[in-house]
Amino acid sequence: MPLPQTLAKINRRVSNPVLGVFARFAPGFGIVIHHGRKSGREYRAPVMVFRRDGGYRIALTYGPKVDWLKNIRAAGSFDFETRGRVVTLTDPVLGHDASASWAPPGVRQVLIALSAEYYLQARPEN
């Protein structure tokens, strides 16, 4: 089972603002920049990310039902900040891999322990 949604709500208010400062530059992390489907408001979500298959693969540690994922799938593209630069990513595709074989070995063990079986794959815009 992925991390509980109660923890997600706490993180949104407490740890995400702090983690967001580091996630913009730290290897293996980034910030998903998306807009609400109804409000149009801009949101930022720190995530674990890795270059894979010509694009970026984002670990869905809270599972596939998070709001930011719904927002970017509805939009079809989103901005992503990583290592101090912003790139536009398109064609977001939900993937499933219970073994997290796509992740580096140390991260793989963490994802398996969290039961984070889902990921998002997106490619840079031309």
C-alpha atoms as a PDB file:
ATOM      1  CA  MET A   1       0.000   0.000   0.000  1.00  0.00           C
ATOM      2  CA  PRO A   2       1.410   3.424  -0.947  1.00  0.00           C
ATOM      3  CA  LEU A   3       1.801   6.127   1.676  1.00  0.00           C
ATOM      4  CA  PRO A   4      -1.559   7.113   3.237  1.00  0.00           C
ATOM      5  CA  GLN A   5      -3.433  10.180   1.996  1.00  0.00           C
ATOM      6  CA  THR A   6      -3.499  11.606   5.531  1.00  0.00           C
ATOM      7  CA  LEU A   7       0.277  11.865   5.360  1.00  0.00           C
ATOM      8  CA  ALA A   8      -0.050  13.518   1.950  1.00  0.00           C
ATOM      9  CA  LYS A   9      -2.235  16.249   3.452  1.00  0.00           C
ATOM     10  CA  ILE A  10       0.271  16.877   6.241  1.00  0.00           C
ATOM     11  CA  ASN A  11       3.159  16.909   3.757  1.00  0.00           C
ATOM     12  CA  ARG A  12       1.335  19.395   1.536  1.00  0.00           C
ATOM     13  CA  ARG A  13       1.252  21.923   4.368  1.00  0.00           C
ATOM     14  CA  VAL A  14       4.451  21.153   6.299  1.00  0.00           C
ATOM     15  CA  SER A  15       7.221  19.232   4.551  1.00  0.00           C
ATOM     16  CA  ASN A  16       6.545  19.997   0.866  1.00  0.00           C
ATOM     17  CA  PRO A  17       7.449  23.694   1.189  1.00  0.00           C
ATOM     18  CA  VAL A  18      10.727  22.743   2.885  1.00  0.00           C
ATOM     19  CA  LEU A  19      11.504  19.808   0.589  1.00  0.00           C
ATOM     20  CA  GLY A  20      10.624  21.963  -2.416  1.00  0.00           C
ATOM     21  CA  VAL A  21      13.661  24.143  -1.803  1.00  0.00           C
ATOM     22  CA  PHE A  22      16.013  21.153  -2.060  1.00  0.00           C
ATOM     23  CA  ALA A  23      14.049  19.151  -4.646  1.00  0.00           C
ATOM     24  CA  ARG A  24      14.650  21.829  -7.302  1.00  0.00           C
ATOM     25  CA  PHE A  25      18.400  21.093  -7.292  1.00  0.00           C
ATOM     26  CA  ALA A  26      19.022  17.712  -5.610  1.00  0.00           C
ATOM     27  CA  PRO A  27      19.764  14.700  -7.832  1.00  0.00           C
ATOM     28  CA  GLY A  28      16.861  12.262  -7.945  1.00  0.00           C
ATOM     29  CA  PHE A  29      14.277  14.930  -7.111  1.00  0.00           C
ATOM     30  CA  GLY A  30      12.278  17.546  -8.929  1.00  0.00           C
ATOM     31  CA  ILE A  31       9.166  19.694  -8.778  1.00  0.00           C
ATOM     32  CA  VAL A  32       6.027  18.973 -10.800  1.00  0.00           C
ATOM     33  CA  ILE A  33       4.432  22.313 -11.699  1.00  0.00           C
ATOM     34  CA  HIS A  34       0.774  21.862 -12.588  1.00  0.00           C
ATOM     35  CA  HIS A  35      -2.519  23.739 -12.662  1.00  0.00           C
ATOM     36  CA  GLY A  36      -5.766  22.760 -10.962  1.00  0.00           C
ATOM     37  CA  ARG A  37      -8.382  21.306 -13.280  1.00  0.00           C
ATOM     38  CA  LYS A  38     -11.123  23.492 -11.815  1.00  0.00           C
ATOM     39  CA  SER A  39      -9.321  26.397 -10.151  1.00  0.00           C
ATOM     40  CA  GLY A  40      -6.571  26.938 -12.721  1.00  0.00           C
ATOM     41  CA  ARG A  41      -4.296  27.725  -9.764  1.00  0.00           C
ATOM     42  CA  GLU A  42      -0.617  26.790 -10.039  1.00  0.00           C
ATOM     43  CA  TYR A  43       0.626  24.066  -7.694  1.00  0.00           C
ATOM     44  CA  ARG A  44       4.068  22.574  -7.065  1.00  0.00           C
ATOM     45  CA  ALA A  45       4.702  19.020  -5.888  1.00  0.00           C
ATOM     46  CA  PRO A  46       8.179  17.691  -4.966  1.00  0.00           C
ATOM     47  CA  VAL A  47       8.786  14.195  -6.362  1.00  0.00           C
ATOM     48  CA  MET A  48      11.440  11.531  -6.855  1.00  0.00           C
ATOM     49  CA  VAL A  49      12.461  11.432 -10.520  1.00  0.00           C
ATOM     50  CA  PHE A  50      14.896   9.605 -12.782  1.00  0.00           C
ATOM     51  CA  ARG A  51      15.916   9.889 -16.441  1.00  0.00           C
ATOM     52  CA  ARG A  52      14.625   6.819 -18.228  1.00  0.00           C
ATOM     53  CA  ASP A  53      13.718   5.785 -21.772  1.00  0.00           C
ATOM     54  CA  GLY A  54      14.391   9.217 -23.284  1.00  0.00           C
ATOM     55  CA  GLY A  55      12.290  11.019 -20.707  1.00  0.00           C
ATOM     56  CA  TYR A  56      11.608  11.319 -17.022  1.00  0.00           C
ATOM     57  CA  ARG A  57      10.126   8.688 -14.735  1.00  0.00           C
ATOM     58  CA  ILE A  58       8.467   9.935 -11.557  1.00  0.00           C
ATOM     59  CA  ALA A  59       7.837   7.588  -8.622  1.00  0.00           C
ATOM     60  CA  LEU A  60       4.246   7.756  -7.390  1.00  0.00           C
ATOM     61  CA  THR A  61       4.897   7.225  -3.691  1.00  0.00           C
ATOM     62  CA  TYR A  62       1.283   8.122  -2.820  1.00  0.00           C
ATOM     63  CA  GLY A  63      -0.197   5.961  -5.572  1.00  0.00           C
ATOM     64  CA  PRO A  64      -1.933   6.835  -8.830  1.00  0.00           C
ATOM     65  CA  LYS A  65      -4.907   8.742  -7.358  1.00  0.00           C
ATOM     66  CA  VAL A  66      -3.099  11.948  -6.353  1.00  0.00           C
ATOM     67  CA  ASP A  67      -4.560  15.257  -7.541  1.00  0.00           C
ATOM     68  CA  TRP A  68      -1.425  16.464  -9.303  1.00  0.00           C
ATOM     69  CA  LEU A  69      -1.421  13.344 -11.472  1.00  0.00           C
ATOM     70  CA  LYS A  70      -5.062  13.868 -12.410  1.00  0.00           C
ATOM     71  CA  ASN A  71      -4.267  17.493 -13.291  1.00  0.00           C
ATOM     72  CA  ILE A  72      -1.329  16.744 -15.574  1.00  0.00           C
ATOM     73  CA  ARG A  73      -3.023  13.809 -17.278  1.00  0.00           C
ATOM     74  CA  ALA A  74      -6.018  16.038 -18.039  1.00  0.00           C
ATOM     75  CA  ALA A  75      -3.727  18.781 -19.382  1.00  0.00           C
ATOM     76  CA  GLY A  76      -1.491  16.424 -21.381  1.00  0.00           C
ATOM     77  CA  SER A  77       1.658  18.338 -20.443  1.00  0.00           C
ATOM     78  CA  PHE A  78       3.268  20.045 -17.475  1.00  0.00           C
ATOM     79  CA  ASP A  79       6.353  21.939 -16.418  1.00  0.00           C
ATOM     80  CA  PHE A  80       8.994  20.168 -14.405  1.00  0.00           C
ATOM     81  CA  GLU A  81      11.839  21.757 -12.475  1.00  0.00           C
ATOM     82  CA  THR A  82      14.949  19.664 -11.930  1.00  0.00           C
ATOM     83  CA  ARG A  83      18.558  20.516 -11.235  1.00  0.00           C
ATOM     84  CA  GLY A  84      17.837  24.235 -11.486  1.00  0.00           C
ATOM     85  CA  ARG A  85      16.101  24.242 -14.873  1.00  0.00           C
ATOM     86  CA  VAL A  86      12.498  23.990 -16.020  1.00  0.00           C
ATOM     87  CA  VAL A  87      11.477  21.653 -18.834  1.00  0.00           C
ATOM     88  CA  THR A  88       8.050  21.052 -20.338  1.00  0.00           C
ATOM     89  CA  LEU A  89       7.061  17.389 -20.318  1.00  0.00           C
ATOM     90  CA  THR A  90       4.354  15.876 -22.505  1.00  0.00           C
ATOM     91  CA  ASP A  91       2.507  12.608 -23.015  1.00  0.00           C
ATOM     92  CA  PRO A  92       2.237  11.602 -19.341  1.00  0.00           C
ATOM     93  CA  VAL A  93       1.700   7.835 -19.168  1.00  0.00           C
ATOM     94  CA  LEU A  94       0.926   5.882 -16.017  1.00  0.00           C
ATOM     95  CA  GLY A  95       3.017   2.732 -15.575  1.00  0.00           C
ATOM     96  CA  HIS A  96       2.992  -0.150 -13.118  1.00  0.00           C
ATOM     97  CA  ASP A  97       5.990  -2.168 -11.929  1.00  0.00           C
ATOM     98  CA  ALA A  98       5.733  -3.841  -8.524  1.00  0.00           C
ATOM     99  CA  SER A  99       9.454  -4.655  -8.596  1.00  0.00           C
ATOM    100  CA  ALA A 100      10.446  -1.030  -9.371  1.00  0.00           C
ATOM    101  CA  SER A 101      13.062  -2.505 -11.714  1.00  0.00           C
ATOM    102  CA  TRP A 102      13.404   0.868 -13.454  1.00  0.00           C
ATOM    103  CA  ALA A 103      14.773   2.585 -10.321  1.00  0.00           C
ATOM    104  CA  PRO A 104      18.397   2.547  -9.110  1.00  0.00           C
ATOM    105  CA  PRO A 105      19.073  -0.314  -6.642  1.00  0.00           C
ATOM    106  CA  GLY A 106      19.025   1.746  -3.419  1.00  0.00           C
ATOM    107  CA  VAL A 107      15.885   3.619  -4.421  1.00  0.00           C
ATOM    108  CA  ARG A 108      14.281   0.407  -5.671  1.00  0.00           C
ATOM    109  CA  GLN A 109      14.388  -1.072  -2.171  1.00  0.00           C
ATOM    110  CA  VAL A 110      12.717   2.030  -0.721  1.00  0.00           C
ATOM    111  CA  LEU A 111       9.980   1.987  -3.374  1.00  0.00           C
ATOM    112  CA  ILE A 112       9.322  -1.706  -2.761  1.00  0.00           C
ATOM    113  CA  ALA A 113       9.153  -1.106   1.012  1.00  0.00           C
ATOM    114  CA  LEU A 114       6.631   1.702   0.402  1.00  0.00           C
ATOM    115  CA  SER A 115       4.667  -0.476  -2.061  1.00  0.00           C
ATOM    116  CA  ALA A 116       5.079   2.351  -4.573  1.00  0.00           C
ATOM    117  CA  GLU A 117       4.267   0.225  -7.611  1.00  0.00           C
ATOM    118  CA  TYR A 118       3.230   3.032  -9.959  1.00  0.00           C
ATOM    119  CA  TYR A 119       5.215   5.627 -11.862  1.00  0.00           C
ATOM    120  CA  LEU A 120       4.617   8.355 -14.394  1.00  0.00           C
ATOM    121  CA  GLN A 121       6.616   8.451 -17.612  1.00  0.00           C
ATOM    122  CA  ALA A 122       6.764  11.697 -19.603  1.00  0.00           C
ATOM    123  CA  ARG A 123       9.008  12.981 -22.357  1.00  0.00           C
ATOM    124  CA  PRO A 124      10.490  16.421 -22.965  1.00  0.00           C
ATOM    125  CA  GLU A 125       8.623  18.638 -25.403  1.00  0.00           C
ATOM    126  CA  ASN A 126      10.442  19.095 -28.705  1.00  0.00           C
END
